Amino acid sequence: MPPFVDQLPPGPFFDVERSGNVTALVDQSARLNCRVNQIGNRTVSWLRHRDLHLLTVGRYTYTSDQRFRAEHVAGSEDWPLTIKFAQVRDSGHYECQVSTTPPIKHSLWLDVVEPQTRILGGPDVYINRGSSINLTCVVDYTPRPPDFVIWKHNNKIISYDSERGGVNVVTEKGPQTSTNLLIRNASERDSGSYSCSPSSAPATSVIVHILNGD
C-alpha cells in the first residue's frame, strides 16, 4: 500500500467576483469588499496604494481619517472597507492583503464621481429656420433623480404654455435622468443660449444657431 500522506488544506484565496472595482458618488459612502475563502486564522488588511498607507488590520482601523472604517463581521468571508463621505481625491487603487507567508494581495479600483450634466450635440447646435429645436439633457451620477430640471433660454425660464406655443418637455427619471426640450417652427428669436439646470447637479448650456436654410 502507498504510504499515507497528509494533505494540507488549500490556503486562502480571493473571490474576485465579489471583490471588484467600485464606482461611488461624491459625499456618499463607498464600500470596497474583499472576500477571502478558507482564510483560517489569518487576518486581512487594507492599504491605500498611492501612499502605501495602512488603513485597517482585521476589524481595527489604523488611520486618523475617521471616514475610513473596517466592517468585518465575525465568521463572514467578506472584509469590507467603508469610506464615508467619499471625495474625488479618494479615487485610486486599494489593496487587500491576507497575512499568509508571503502575503497574498488583491488590488481593486475606486472611482468617486461627481454629478454631471450634459446636453447632447453641444456646445453649438445648428437648426434650419422652420425646423424643430430638439435638445436632450442627460444627468448622471446623482444620489437620486433630480426633483426638477429647469430649461432656460438666454437666462430666462422657458414657459411651456406661453403665447408662442409649440414648446414641449418630456423627462424620464432613473439612475440616469434625461429631459427633452422640443420647440417647433424655430425662428431667429429662438437662437441663443439654452441651459439645463437639474436640482441635484450642475447646470450646463449650449448655443443654438438658427440658419436661414437658403
Foldseek 3Di string as FASTA:
>chain_A
DDDDDDDDDDAKDWPDVQQAAEEAEAQAKTKGKTFIPRHPPKWKWKAAPVVRHTADIHQGGDDPQVQWGWDDDPPGRITMIMGGRDDQVSWDKMKMWIVDVVIDIDIYTYGYDYKDKDKPPDQEAEAEAQAKDKIKMKIARFPFWFPDKFKDFPPHTDDQPDPQHQWDKDWDTDNMIMIMIIHGRDDQVRFAKMKIPTPGHHIDIHTYHYHNND
